[in-house]
């Protein structure tokens, strides 16, 4: 809930989200709470699909050293492009991220991406 209270959709995108597939690129993920807030906001604003790409991941001592991604669905009502909306948790899948696999080659992929972006 704290992420839904602090993350807002810029009102200039009000007419640009409906029916769109949106991809979010983030630097790090721990449990996915901020992404889940954004995903819920964008889906509620009419996005047809939201993809999330995280370059790295902070670790936790739980679950073999990896933080566990927790999928959360919220019921959002009101004006999503302002502070005038309410959110209530409708579903939480706490085991959603338990079966993910660590990609040992991801470090090299990040290095390759870094080289591309420094051109």
PDB file of N, CA and C in Angstrom:
ATOM      1  N   UNK A   1       0.822  -1.191   0.000  1.00  0.00           N
ATOM      2  CA  UNK A   1       0.000   0.000   0.000  1.00  0.00           C
ATOM      3  C   UNK A   1       0.865   1.254   0.000  1.00  0.00           C
ATOM      4  N   UNK A   2       2.027   1.220   0.663  1.00  0.00           N
ATOM      5  CA  UNK A   2       2.836   2.440   0.729  1.00  0.00           C
ATOM      6  C   UNK A   2       3.285   2.891  -0.657  1.00  0.00           C
ATOM      7  N   UNK A   3       3.494   1.943  -1.568  1.00  0.00           N
ATOM      8  CA  UNK A   3       3.894   2.311  -2.924  1.00  0.00           C
ATOM      9  C   UNK A   3       2.734   2.942  -3.688  1.00  0.00           C
ATOM     10  N   UNK A   4       1.547   2.431  -3.479  1.00  0.00           N
ATOM     11  CA  UNK A   4       0.382   3.036  -4.129  1.00  0.00           C
ATOM     12  C   UNK A   4       0.122   4.445  -3.608  1.00  0.00           C
ATOM     13  N   UNK A   5       0.528   4.711  -2.388  1.00  0.00           N
ATOM     14  CA  UNK A   5       0.356   6.057  -1.827  1.00  0.00           C
ATOM     15  C   UNK A   5       1.398   7.029  -2.364  1.00  0.00           C
ATOM     16  N   UNK A   6       2.526   6.520  -2.867  1.00  0.00           N
ATOM     17  CA  UNK A   6       3.599   7.419  -3.302  1.00  0.00           C
ATOM     18  C   UNK A   6       3.827   7.451  -4.811  1.00  0.00           C
ATOM     19  N   UNK A   7       3.354   6.464  -5.545  1.00  0.00           N
ATOM     20  CA  UNK A   7       3.566   6.419  -6.994  1.00  0.00           C
ATOM     21  C   UNK A   7       2.307   6.938  -7.683  1.00  0.00           C
ATOM     22  N   UNK A   8       2.501   7.887  -8.575  1.00  0.00           N
ATOM     23  CA  UNK A   8       1.378   8.485  -9.305  1.00  0.00           C
ATOM     24  C   UNK A   8       1.645   8.427 -10.800  1.00  0.00           C
ATOM     25  N   UNK A   9       0.589   8.362 -11.600  1.00  0.00           N
ATOM     26  CA  UNK A   9       0.711   8.437 -13.054  1.00  0.00           C
ATOM     27  C   UNK A   9       0.604   9.912 -13.439  1.00  0.00           C
ATOM     28  N   UNK A  10       1.540  10.382 -14.225  1.00  0.00           N
ATOM     29  CA  UNK A  10       1.519  11.764 -14.679  1.00  0.00           C
ATOM     30  C   UNK A  10       0.245  12.003 -15.506  1.00  0.00           C
ATOM     31  N   UNK A  11      -0.526  13.037 -15.179  1.00  0.00           N
ATOM     32  CA  UNK A  11      -1.784  13.301 -15.891  1.00  0.00           C
ATOM     33  C   UNK A  11      -1.620  13.515 -17.403  1.00  0.00           C
ATOM     34  N   UNK A  12      -0.427  13.893 -17.872  1.00  0.00           N
ATOM     35  CA  UNK A  12      -0.248  14.095 -19.315  1.00  0.00           C
ATOM     36  C   UNK A  12      -0.363  12.781 -20.093  1.00  0.00           C
ATOM     37  N   UNK A  13      -0.321  11.643 -19.386  1.00  0.00           N
ATOM     38  CA  UNK A  13      -0.469  10.339 -20.044  1.00  0.00           C
ATOM     39  C   UNK A  13      -1.901   9.812 -20.000  1.00  0.00           C
ATOM     40  N   UNK A  14      -2.818  10.611 -19.516  1.00  0.00           N
ATOM     41  CA  UNK A  14      -4.217  10.197 -19.341  1.00  0.00           C
ATOM     42  C   UNK A  14      -4.796   9.532 -20.591  1.00  0.00           C
ATOM     43  N   UNK A  15      -4.555  10.085 -21.760  1.00  0.00           N
ATOM     44  CA  UNK A  15      -5.135   9.551 -23.005  1.00  0.00           C
ATOM     45  C   UNK A  15      -4.164   8.673 -23.775  1.00  0.00           C
ATOM     46  N   UNK A  16      -3.005   8.389 -23.212  1.00  0.00           N
ATOM     47  CA  UNK A  16      -1.983   7.629 -23.934  1.00  0.00           C
ATOM     48  C   UNK A  16      -1.823   6.195 -23.447  1.00  0.00           C
ATOM     49  N   UNK A  17      -2.504   5.806 -22.386  1.00  0.00           N
ATOM     50  CA  UNK A  17      -2.290   4.485 -21.777  1.00  0.00           C
ATOM     51  C   UNK A  17      -3.288   3.443 -22.266  1.00  0.00           C
ATOM     52  N   UNK A  18      -4.528   3.835 -22.431  1.00  0.00           N
ATOM     53  CA  UNK A  18      -5.602   2.880 -22.768  1.00  0.00           C
ATOM     54  C   UNK A  18      -5.257   2.056 -24.006  1.00  0.00           C
ATOM     55  N   UNK A  19      -5.329   0.727 -23.857  1.00  0.00           N
ATOM     56  CA  UNK A  19      -5.096  -0.200 -24.956  1.00  0.00           C
ATOM     57  C   UNK A  19      -3.641  -0.435 -25.299  1.00  0.00           C
ATOM     58  N   UNK A  20      -2.713   0.184 -24.602  1.00  0.00           N
ATOM     59  CA  UNK A  20      -1.285   0.062 -24.921  1.00  0.00           C
ATOM     60  C   UNK A  20      -0.619  -1.060 -24.147  1.00  0.00           C
ATOM     61  N   UNK A  21       0.415  -1.633 -24.766  1.00  0.00           N
ATOM     62  CA  UNK A  21       1.314  -2.562 -24.082  1.00  0.00           C
ATOM     63  C   UNK A  21       2.469  -1.713 -23.577  1.00  0.00           C
ATOM     64  N   UNK A  22       2.745  -1.793 -22.282  1.00  0.00           N
ATOM     65  CA  UNK A  22       3.748  -0.928 -21.664  1.00  0.00           C
ATOM     66  C   UNK A  22       4.852  -1.789 -21.064  1.00  0.00           C
ATOM     67  N   UNK A  23       6.104  -1.389 -21.312  1.00  0.00           N
ATOM     68  CA  UNK A  23       7.256  -2.078 -20.735  1.00  0.00           C
ATOM     69  C   UNK A  23       7.982  -1.121 -19.805  1.00  0.00           C
ATOM     70  N   UNK A  24       8.268  -1.602 -18.605  1.00  0.00           N
ATOM     71  CA  UNK A  24       8.975  -0.824 -17.598  1.00  0.00           C
ATOM     72  C   UNK A  24      10.353  -1.433 -17.420  1.00  0.00           C
ATOM     73  N   UNK A  25      11.370  -0.596 -17.504  1.00  0.00           N
ATOM     74  CA  UNK A  25      12.745  -1.015 -17.277  1.00  0.00           C
ATOM     75  C   UNK A  25      13.175  -0.445 -15.938  1.00  0.00           C
ATOM     76  N   UNK A  26      13.628  -1.313 -15.038  1.00  0.00           N
ATOM     77  CA  UNK A  26      14.028  -0.885 -13.700  1.00  0.00           C
ATOM     78  C   UNK A  26      15.450  -1.370 -13.445  1.00  0.00           C
ATOM     79  N   UNK A  27      16.154  -0.666 -12.583  1.00  0.00           N
ATOM     80  CA  UNK A  27      17.526  -1.066 -12.306  1.00  0.00           C
ATOM     81  C   UNK A  27      17.607  -2.282 -11.394  1.00  0.00           C
ATOM     82  N   UNK A  28      16.819  -2.292 -10.305  1.00  0.00           N
ATOM     83  CA  UNK A  28      16.871  -3.410  -9.363  1.00  0.00           C
ATOM     84  C   UNK A  28      15.486  -3.759  -8.858  1.00  0.00           C
ATOM     85  N   UNK A  29      15.356  -4.992  -8.436  1.00  0.00           N
ATOM     86  CA  UNK A  29      14.113  -5.471  -7.829  1.00  0.00           C
ATOM     87  C   UNK A  29      14.469  -6.226  -6.557  1.00  0.00           C
ATOM     88  N   UNK A  30      13.628  -6.120  -5.563  1.00  0.00           N
ATOM     89  CA  UNK A  30      13.783  -6.939  -4.363  1.00  0.00           C
ATOM     90  C   UNK A  30      12.597  -7.891  -4.298  1.00  0.00           C
ATOM     91  N   UNK A  31      11.437  -7.372  -3.985  1.00  0.00           N
ATOM     92  CA  UNK A  31      10.241  -8.213  -3.894  1.00  0.00           C
ATOM     93  C   UNK A  31       9.180  -7.831  -4.910  1.00  0.00           C
ATOM     94  N   UNK A  32       9.391  -6.774  -5.672  1.00  0.00           N
ATOM     95  CA  UNK A  32       8.443  -6.393  -6.705  1.00  0.00           C
ATOM     96  C   UNK A  32       7.311  -5.495  -6.240  1.00  0.00           C
ATOM     97  N   UNK A  33       7.398  -4.967  -5.029  1.00  0.00           N
ATOM     98  CA  UNK A  33       6.298  -4.155  -4.499  1.00  0.00           C
ATOM     99  C   UNK A  33       6.045  -2.898  -5.319  1.00  0.00           C
ATOM    100  N   UNK A  34       7.098  -2.170  -5.682  1.00  0.00           N
ATOM    101  CA  UNK A  34       6.879  -0.941  -6.457  1.00  0.00           C
ATOM    102  C   UNK A  34       6.372  -1.284  -7.852  1.00  0.00           C
ATOM    103  N   UNK A  35       6.894  -2.351  -8.465  1.00  0.00           N
ATOM    104  CA  UNK A  35       6.381  -2.740  -9.776  1.00  0.00           C
ATOM    105  C   UNK A  35       4.915  -3.144  -9.690  1.00  0.00           C
ATOM    106  N   UNK A  36       4.553  -3.881  -8.676  1.00  0.00           N
ATOM    107  CA  UNK A  36       3.159  -4.297  -8.535  1.00  0.00           C
ATOM    108  C   UNK A  36       2.240  -3.080  -8.393  1.00  0.00           C
ATOM    109  N   UNK A  37       2.693  -2.046  -7.702  1.00  0.00           N
ATOM    110  CA  UNK A  37       1.894  -0.821  -7.591  1.00  0.00           C
ATOM    111  C   UNK A  37       1.720  -0.194  -8.970  1.00  0.00           C
ATOM    112  N   UNK A  38       2.810  -0.076  -9.723  1.00  0.00           N
ATOM    113  CA  UNK A  38       2.746   0.518 -11.054  1.00  0.00           C
ATOM    114  C   UNK A  38       1.902  -0.344 -11.995  1.00  0.00           C
ATOM    115  N   UNK A  39       2.088  -1.659 -11.936  1.00  0.00           N
ATOM    116  CA  UNK A  39       1.305  -2.559 -12.796  1.00  0.00           C
ATOM    117  C   UNK A  39      -0.183  -2.373 -12.537  1.00  0.00           C
ATOM    118  N   UNK A  40      -0.572  -2.339 -11.280  1.00  0.00           N
ATOM    119  CA  UNK A  40      -1.986  -2.163 -10.937  1.00  0.00           C
ATOM    120  C   UNK A  40      -2.511  -0.813 -11.419  1.00  0.00           C
ATOM    121  N   UNK A  41      -1.739   0.250 -11.249  1.00  0.00           N
ATOM    122  CA  UNK A  41      -2.161   1.567 -11.720  1.00  0.00           C
ATOM    123  C   UNK A  41      -2.354   1.584 -13.234  1.00  0.00           C
ATOM    124  N   UNK A  42      -1.384   1.036 -13.967  1.00  0.00           N
ATOM    125  CA  UNK A  42      -1.459   1.061 -15.430  1.00  0.00           C
ATOM    126  C   UNK A  42      -2.588   0.190 -15.968  1.00  0.00           C
ATOM    127  N   UNK A  43      -2.777  -0.996 -15.398  1.00  0.00           N
ATOM    128  CA  UNK A  43      -3.880  -1.861 -15.831  1.00  0.00           C
ATOM    129  C   UNK A  43      -5.210  -1.181 -15.532  1.00  0.00           C
ATOM    130  N   UNK A  44      -5.329  -0.566 -14.363  1.00  0.00           N
ATOM    131  CA  UNK A  44      -6.563   0.132 -14.007  1.00  0.00           C
ATOM    132  C   UNK A  44      -6.803   1.346 -14.905  1.00  0.00           C
ATOM    133  N   UNK A  45      -5.714   1.929 -15.423  1.00  0.00           N
ATOM    134  CA  UNK A  45      -5.825   3.073 -16.331  1.00  0.00           C
ATOM    135  C   UNK A  45      -6.092   2.635 -17.765  1.00  0.00           C
ATOM    136  N   UNK A  46      -6.147   1.314 -18.005  1.00  0.00           N
ATOM    137  CA  UNK A  46      -6.522   0.815 -19.317  1.00  0.00           C
ATOM    138  C   UNK A  46      -5.435   0.161 -20.138  1.00  0.00           C
ATOM    139  N   UNK A  47      -4.220   0.041 -19.622  1.00  0.00           N
ATOM    140  CA  UNK A  47      -3.156  -0.635 -20.375  1.00  0.00           C
ATOM    141  C   UNK A  47      -3.575  -2.077 -20.653  1.00  0.00           C
ATOM    142  N   UNK A  48      -3.265  -2.553 -21.859  1.00  0.00           N
ATOM    143  CA  UNK A  48      -3.656  -3.927 -22.202  1.00  0.00           C
ATOM    144  C   UNK A  48      -2.683  -4.950 -21.625  1.00  0.00           C
ATOM    145  N   UNK A  49      -1.432  -4.544 -21.434  1.00  0.00           N
ATOM    146  CA  UNK A  49      -0.424  -5.451 -20.887  1.00  0.00           C
ATOM    147  C   UNK A  49       0.706  -4.616 -20.315  1.00  0.00           C
ATOM    148  N   UNK A  50       1.306  -5.111 -19.220  1.00  0.00           N
ATOM    149  CA  UNK A  50       2.451  -4.434 -18.616  1.00  0.00           C
ATOM    150  C   UNK A  50       3.562  -5.458 -18.437  1.00  0.00           C
ATOM    151  N   UNK A  51       4.699  -5.207 -19.083  1.00  0.00           N
ATOM    152  CA  UNK A  51       5.882  -6.053 -18.947  1.00  0.00           C
ATOM    153  C   UNK A  51       6.870  -5.351 -18.039  1.00  0.00           C
ATOM    154  N   UNK A  52       7.637  -6.132 -17.302  1.00  0.00           N
ATOM    155  CA  UNK A  52       8.615  -5.583 -16.381  1.00  0.00           C
ATOM    156  C   UNK A  52       9.959  -6.241 -16.617  1.00  0.00           C
ATOM    157  N   UNK A  53      10.994  -5.419 -16.777  1.00  0.00           N
ATOM    158  CA  UNK A  53      12.351  -5.928 -16.946  1.00  0.00           C
ATOM    159  C   UNK A  53      13.212  -5.303 -15.857  1.00  0.00           C
ATOM    160  N   UNK A  54      13.829  -6.133 -15.032  1.00  0.00           N
ATOM    161  CA  UNK A  54      14.742  -5.660 -13.986  1.00  0.00           C
ATOM    162  C   UNK A  54      16.150  -6.106 -14.354  1.00  0.00           C
ATOM    163  N   UNK A  55      17.070  -5.172 -14.313  1.00  0.00           N
ATOM    164  CA  UNK A  55      18.453  -5.466 -14.670  1.00  0.00           C
ATOM    165  C   UNK A  55      19.152  -6.278 -13.576  1.00  0.00           C
ATOM    166  N   UNK A  56      18.871  -5.978 -12.332  1.00  0.00           N
ATOM    167  CA  UNK A  56      19.506  -6.681 -11.227  1.00  0.00           C
ATOM    168  C   UNK A  56      18.521  -6.960 -10.125  1.00  0.00           C
ATOM    169  N   UNK A  57      19.005  -7.561  -9.072  1.00  0.00           N
ATOM    170  CA  UNK A  57      18.116  -7.932  -7.980  1.00  0.00           C
ATOM    171  C   UNK A  57      18.868  -7.835  -6.669  1.00  0.00           C
ATOM    172  N   UNK A  58      18.249  -7.149  -5.707  1.00  0.00           N
ATOM    173  CA  UNK A  58      18.802  -7.132  -4.362  1.00  0.00           C
ATOM    174  C   UNK A  58      18.506  -8.482  -3.737  1.00  0.00           C
ATOM    175  N   UNK A  59      19.358  -8.914  -2.854  1.00  0.00           N
ATOM    176  CA  UNK A  59      19.141 -10.232  -2.255  1.00  0.00           C
ATOM    177  C   UNK A  59      18.587 -10.120  -0.851  1.00  0.00           C
ATOM    178  N   UNK A  60      18.003 -11.200  -0.443  1.00  0.00           N
ATOM    179  CA  UNK A  60      17.461 -11.354   0.903  1.00  0.00           C
ATOM    180  C   UNK A  60      17.940 -12.709   1.378  1.00  0.00           C
ATOM    181  N   UNK A  61      17.961 -12.918   2.664  1.00  0.00           N
ATOM    182  CA  UNK A  61      18.411 -14.220   3.166  1.00  0.00           C
ATOM    183  C   UNK A  61      17.312 -15.271   3.093  1.00  0.00           C
ATOM    184  N   UNK A  62      16.123 -14.845   2.781  1.00  0.00           N
ATOM    185  CA  UNK A  62      15.015 -15.800   2.662  1.00  0.00           C
ATOM    186  C   UNK A  62      15.076 -16.494   1.301  1.00  0.00           C
ATOM    187  N   UNK A  63      14.560 -17.664   1.228  1.00  0.00           N
ATOM    188  CA  UNK A  63      14.405 -18.399  -0.023  1.00  0.00           C
ATOM    189  C   UNK A  63      15.697 -18.494  -0.818  1.00  0.00           C
ATOM    190  N   UNK A  64      16.672 -19.167  -0.270  1.00  0.00           N
ATOM    191  CA  UNK A  64      17.937 -19.435  -0.946  1.00  0.00           C
ATOM    192  C   UNK A  64      18.675 -18.163  -1.354  1.00  0.00           C
ATOM    193  N   UNK A  65      18.567 -17.114  -0.560  1.00  0.00           N
ATOM    194  CA  UNK A  65      19.331 -15.910  -0.841  1.00  0.00           C
ATOM    195  C   UNK A  65      18.665 -14.928  -1.789  1.00  0.00           C
ATOM    196  N   UNK A  66      17.485 -15.226  -2.290  1.00  0.00           N
ATOM    197  CA  UNK A  66      16.807 -14.303  -3.198  1.00  0.00           C
ATOM    198  C   UNK A  66      15.544 -13.770  -2.555  1.00  0.00           C
ATOM    199  N   UNK A  67      15.280 -12.490  -2.737  1.00  0.00           N
ATOM    200  CA  UNK A  67      14.004 -11.935  -2.302  1.00  0.00           C
ATOM    201  C   UNK A  67      12.904 -12.591  -3.118  1.00  0.00           C
ATOM    202  N   UNK A  68      11.743 -12.717  -2.573  1.00  0.00           N
ATOM    203  CA  UNK A  68      10.661 -13.400  -3.268  1.00  0.00           C
ATOM    204  C   UNK A  68       9.692 -12.402  -3.860  1.00  0.00           C
ATOM    205  N   UNK A  69       9.471 -12.501  -5.150  1.00  0.00           N
ATOM    206  CA  UNK A  69       8.515 -11.637  -5.827  1.00  0.00           C
ATOM    207  C   UNK A  69       7.118 -12.005  -5.347  1.00  0.00           C
ATOM    208  N   UNK A  70       6.372 -11.011  -4.975  1.00  0.00           N
ATOM    209  CA  UNK A  70       5.023 -11.241  -4.455  1.00  0.00           C
ATOM    210  C   UNK A  70       4.030 -10.504  -5.342  1.00  0.00           C
ATOM    211  N   UNK A  71       3.191 -11.231  -6.047  1.00  0.00           N
ATOM    212  CA  UNK A  71       2.199 -10.615  -6.931  1.00  0.00           C
ATOM    213  C   UNK A  71       1.003 -10.156  -6.102  1.00  0.00           C
ATOM    214  N   UNK A  72       0.589  -8.902  -6.323  1.00  0.00           N
ATOM    215  CA  UNK A  72      -0.537  -8.347  -5.593  1.00  0.00           C
ATOM    216  C   UNK A  72      -1.492  -7.663  -6.559  1.00  0.00           C
ATOM    217  N   UNK A  73      -2.772  -7.924  -6.407  1.00  0.00           N
ATOM    218  CA  UNK A  73      -3.800  -7.271  -7.207  1.00  0.00           C
ATOM    219  C   UNK A  73      -4.612  -6.357  -6.308  1.00  0.00           C
ATOM    220  N   UNK A  74      -4.832  -5.142  -6.790  1.00  0.00           N
ATOM    221  CA  UNK A  74      -5.577  -4.145  -6.028  1.00  0.00           C
ATOM    222  C   UNK A  74      -6.798  -3.703  -6.803  1.00  0.00           C
ATOM    223  N   UNK A  75      -7.833  -3.371  -6.091  1.00  0.00           N
ATOM    224  CA  UNK A  75      -9.013  -2.741  -6.667  1.00  0.00           C
ATOM    225  C   UNK A  75      -8.808  -1.240  -6.469  1.00  0.00           C
ATOM    226  N   UNK A  76      -8.704  -0.509  -7.578  1.00  0.00           N
ATOM    227  CA  UNK A  76      -8.456   0.930  -7.532  1.00  0.00           C
ATOM    228  C   UNK A  76      -9.690   1.668  -8.027  1.00  0.00           C
ATOM    229  N   UNK A  77     -10.103   2.676  -7.280  1.00  0.00           N
ATOM    230  CA  UNK A  77     -11.253   3.481  -7.683  1.00  0.00           C
ATOM    231  C   UNK A  77     -10.908   4.954  -7.525  1.00  0.00           C
ATOM    232  N   UNK A  78     -11.483   5.770  -8.395  1.00  0.00           N
ATOM    233  CA  UNK A  78     -11.242   7.203  -8.349  1.00  0.00           C
ATOM    234  C   UNK A  78     -10.358   7.640  -9.499  1.00  0.00           C
ATOM    235  N   UNK A  79      -9.806   8.835  -9.405  1.00  0.00           N
ATOM    236  CA  UNK A  79      -8.953   9.409 -10.449  1.00  0.00           C
ATOM    237  C   UNK A  79      -7.522   8.933 -10.253  1.00  0.00           C
ATOM    238  N   UNK A  80      -7.091   7.990 -11.091  1.00  0.00           N
ATOM    239  CA  UNK A  80      -5.759   7.392 -10.967  1.00  0.00           C
ATOM    240  C   UNK A  80      -4.640   8.369 -11.299  1.00  0.00           C
ATOM    241  N   UNK A  81      -4.973   9.500 -11.900  1.00  0.00           N
ATOM    242  CA  UNK A  81      -3.977  10.479 -12.315  1.00  0.00           C
ATOM    243  C   UNK A  81      -3.843  11.615 -11.299  1.00  0.00           C
ATOM    244  N   UNK A  82      -4.291  11.377 -10.086  1.00  0.00           N
ATOM    245  CA  UNK A  82      -4.206  12.371  -9.013  1.00  0.00           C
ATOM    246  C   UNK A  82      -4.038  11.635  -7.691  1.00  0.00           C
ATOM    247  N   UNK A  83      -4.165  12.355  -6.608  1.00  0.00           N
ATOM    248  CA  UNK A  83      -4.137  11.738  -5.280  1.00  0.00           C
ATOM    249  C   UNK A  83      -5.522  11.284  -4.856  1.00  0.00           C
ATOM    250  N   UNK A  84      -6.499  11.430  -5.726  1.00  0.00           N
ATOM    251  CA  UNK A  84      -7.896  11.154  -5.369  1.00  0.00           C
ATOM    252  C   UNK A  84      -8.354   9.773  -5.821  1.00  0.00           C
ATOM    253  N   UNK A  85      -7.656   8.758  -5.377  1.00  0.00           N
ATOM    254  CA  UNK A  85      -8.122   7.398  -5.626  1.00  0.00           C
ATOM    255  C   UNK A  85      -7.874   6.556  -4.386  1.00  0.00           C
ATOM    256  N   UNK A  86      -8.598   5.469  -4.301  1.00  0.00           N
ATOM    257  CA  UNK A  86      -8.423   4.558  -3.173  1.00  0.00           C
ATOM    258  C   UNK A  86      -8.017   3.190  -3.702  1.00  0.00           C
ATOM    259  N   UNK A  87      -7.329   2.452  -2.861  1.00  0.00           N
ATOM    260  CA  UNK A  87      -6.851   1.124  -3.235  1.00  0.00           C
ATOM    261  C   UNK A  87      -7.163   0.142  -2.116  1.00  0.00           C
ATOM    262  N   UNK A  88      -7.608  -1.031  -2.518  1.00  0.00           N
ATOM    263  CA  UNK A  88      -7.779  -2.101  -1.537  1.00  0.00           C
ATOM    264  C   UNK A  88      -7.248  -3.393  -2.144  1.00  0.00           C
ATOM    265  N   UNK A  89      -6.507  -4.127  -1.343  1.00  0.00           N
ATOM    266  CA  UNK A  89      -5.908  -5.382  -1.791  1.00  0.00           C
ATOM    267  C   UNK A  89      -7.004  -6.398  -2.060  1.00  0.00           C
ATOM    268  N   UNK A  90      -7.008  -6.976  -3.270  1.00  0.00           N
ATOM    269  CA  UNK A  90      -8.016  -7.983  -3.598  1.00  0.00           C
ATOM    270  C   UNK A  90      -7.424  -9.389  -3.676  1.00  0.00           C
ATOM    271  N   UNK A  91      -6.104  -9.491  -3.939  1.00  0.00           N
ATOM    272  CA  UNK A  91      -5.479 -10.808  -4.035  1.00  0.00           C
ATOM    273  C   UNK A  91      -3.977 -10.671  -3.835  1.00  0.00           C
ATOM    274  N   UNK A  92      -3.386 -11.585  -3.088  1.00  0.00           N
ATOM    275  CA  UNK A  92      -1.937 -11.614  -2.901  1.00  0.00           C
ATOM    276  C   UNK A  92      -1.458 -13.038  -3.154  1.00  0.00           C
ATOM    277  N   UNK A  93      -0.478 -13.160  -4.041  1.00  0.00           N
ATOM    278  CA  UNK A  93       0.128 -14.457  -4.319  1.00  0.00           C
ATOM    279  C   UNK A  93       1.534 -14.437  -3.731  1.00  0.00           C
ATOM    280  N   UNK A  94       1.650 -14.773  -2.423  1.00  0.00           N
ATOM    281  CA  UNK A  94       2.956 -14.698  -1.774  1.00  0.00           C
ATOM    282  C   UNK A  94       3.949 -15.730  -2.283  1.00  0.00           C
ATOM    283  N   UNK A  95       3.490 -16.778  -2.882  1.00  0.00           N
ATOM    284  CA  UNK A  95       4.394 -17.811  -3.407  1.00  0.00           C
ATOM    285  C   UNK A  95       4.702 -17.621  -4.887  1.00  0.00           C
ATOM    286  N   UNK A  96       4.247 -16.523  -5.469  1.00  0.00           N
ATOM    287  CA  UNK A  96       4.390 -16.272  -6.905  1.00  0.00           C
ATOM    288  C   UNK A  96       5.844 -16.385  -7.366  1.00  0.00           C
ATOM    289  N   UNK A  97       6.772 -15.851  -6.595  1.00  0.00           N
ATOM    290  CA  UNK A  97       8.166 -15.830  -7.011  1.00  0.00           C
ATOM    291  C   UNK A  97       9.024 -16.960  -6.475  1.00  0.00           C
ATOM    292  N   UNK A  98       8.452 -17.904  -5.784  1.00  0.00           N
ATOM    293  CA  UNK A  98       9.253 -18.975  -5.189  1.00  0.00           C
ATOM    294  C   UNK A  98       9.887 -19.915  -6.204  1.00  0.00           C
ATOM    295  N   UNK A  99       9.318 -20.002  -7.376  1.00  0.00           N
ATOM    296  CA  UNK A  99       9.787 -21.005  -8.328  1.00  0.00           C
ATOM    297  C   UNK A  99      10.615 -20.405  -9.458  1.00  0.00           C
ATOM    298  N   UNK A 100      11.024 -19.140  -9.284  1.00  0.00           N
ATOM    299  CA  UNK A 100      11.876 -18.516 -10.295  1.00  0.00           C
ATOM    300  C   UNK A 100      13.268 -19.126 -10.280  1.00  0.00           C
ATOM    301  N   UNK A 101      13.997 -18.888 -11.337  1.00  0.00           N
ATOM    302  CA  UNK A 101      15.354 -19.420 -11.423  1.00  0.00           C
ATOM    303  C   UNK A 101      16.328 -18.275 -11.613  1.00  0.00           C
ATOM    304  N   UNK A 102      17.474 -18.383 -10.968  1.00  0.00           N
ATOM    305  CA  UNK A 102      18.516 -17.381 -11.118  1.00  0.00           C
ATOM    306  C   UNK A 102      19.259 -17.660 -12.407  1.00  0.00           C
ATOM    307  N   UNK A 103      19.485 -16.609 -13.189  1.00  0.00           N
ATOM    308  CA  UNK A 103      20.193 -16.749 -14.453  1.00  0.00           C
ATOM    309  C   UNK A 103      21.657 -16.366 -14.248  1.00  0.00           C
ATOM    310  N   UNK A 104      22.536 -17.362 -14.251  1.00  0.00           N
ATOM    311  CA  UNK A 104      23.964 -17.110 -14.030  1.00  0.00           C
ATOM    312  C   UNK A 104      24.589 -16.281 -15.152  1.00  0.00           C
ATOM    313  N   UNK A 105      23.963 -16.240 -16.310  1.00  0.00           N
ATOM    314  CA  UNK A 105      24.503 -15.495 -17.447  1.00  0.00           C
ATOM    315  C   UNK A 105      24.015 -14.046 -17.475  1.00  0.00           C
ATOM    316  N   UNK A 106      23.118 -13.686 -16.564  1.00  0.00           N
ATOM    317  CA  UNK A 106      22.550 -12.343 -16.559  1.00  0.00           C
ATOM    318  C   UNK A 106      23.622 -11.276 -16.347  1.00  0.00           C
ATOM    319  N   UNK A 107      24.640 -11.577 -15.551  1.00  0.00           N
ATOM    320  CA  UNK A 107      25.701 -10.598 -15.315  1.00  0.00           C
ATOM    321  C   UNK A 107      26.346 -10.199 -16.644  1.00  0.00           C
ATOM    322  N   UNK A 108      26.592 -11.161 -17.514  1.00  0.00           N
ATOM    323  CA  UNK A 108      27.197 -10.850 -18.814  1.00  0.00           C
ATOM    324  C   UNK A 108      26.213 -10.060 -19.682  1.00  0.00           C
ATOM    325  N   UNK A 109      24.937 -10.380 -19.609  1.00  0.00           N
ATOM    326  CA  UNK A 109      23.931  -9.623 -20.357  1.00  0.00           C
ATOM    327  C   UNK A 109      23.921  -8.166 -19.919  1.00  0.00           C
ATOM    328  N   UNK A 110      24.034  -7.927 -18.616  1.00  0.00           N
ATOM    329  CA  UNK A 110      24.063  -6.552 -18.100  1.00  0.00           C
ATOM    330  C   UNK A 110      25.320  -5.837 -18.577  1.00  0.00           C
ATOM    331  N   UNK A 111      26.464  -6.525 -18.583  1.00  0.00           N
ATOM    332  CA  UNK A 111      27.699  -5.921 -19.089  1.00  0.00           C
ATOM    333  C   UNK A 111      27.547  -5.552 -20.561  1.00  0.00           C
ATOM    334  N   UNK A 112      26.932  -6.439 -21.339  1.00  0.00           N
ATOM    335  CA  UNK A 112      26.712  -6.150 -22.760  1.00  0.00           C
ATOM    336  C   UNK A 112      25.813  -4.935 -22.938  1.00  0.00           C
ATOM    337  N   UNK A 113      24.765  -4.846 -22.127  1.00  0.00           N
ATOM    338  CA  UNK A 113      23.850  -3.714 -22.198  1.00  0.00           C
ATOM    339  C   UNK A 113      24.584  -2.428 -21.813  1.00  0.00           C
ATOM    340  N   UNK A 114      25.415  -2.505 -20.806  1.00  0.00           N
ATOM    341  CA  UNK A 114      26.190  -1.335 -20.377  1.00  0.00           C
ATOM    342  C   UNK A 114      27.082  -0.864 -21.535  1.00  0.00           C
ATOM    343  N   UNK A 115      27.738  -1.791 -22.219  1.00  0.00           N
ATOM    344  CA  UNK A 115      28.606  -1.423 -23.353  1.00  0.00           C
ATOM    345  C   UNK A 115      27.796  -0.773 -24.473  1.00  0.00           C
ATOM    346  N   UNK A 116      26.615  -1.300 -24.742  1.00  0.00           N
ATOM    347  CA  UNK A 116      25.765  -0.737 -25.802  1.00  0.00           C
ATOM    348  C   UNK A 116      25.338   0.685 -25.451  1.00  0.00           C
ATOM    349  N   UNK A 117      24.957   0.909 -24.201  1.00  0.00           N
ATOM    350  CA  UNK A 117      24.448   2.214 -23.795  1.00  0.00           C
ATOM    351  C   UNK A 117      25.557   3.264 -23.686  1.00  0.00           C
ATOM    352  N   UNK A 118      26.813   2.833 -23.590  1.00  0.00           N
ATOM    353  CA  UNK A 118      27.901   3.788 -23.477  1.00  0.00           C
ATOM    354  C   UNK A 118      28.445   4.208 -24.839  1.00  0.00           C
ATOM    355  N   UNK A 119      27.847   3.783 -25.926  1.00  0.00           N
ATOM    356  CA  UNK A 119      28.327   4.159 -27.278  1.00  0.00           C
ATOM    357  C   UNK A 119      28.308   5.632 -27.486  1.00  0.00           C
TER     358      UNK A 119
END
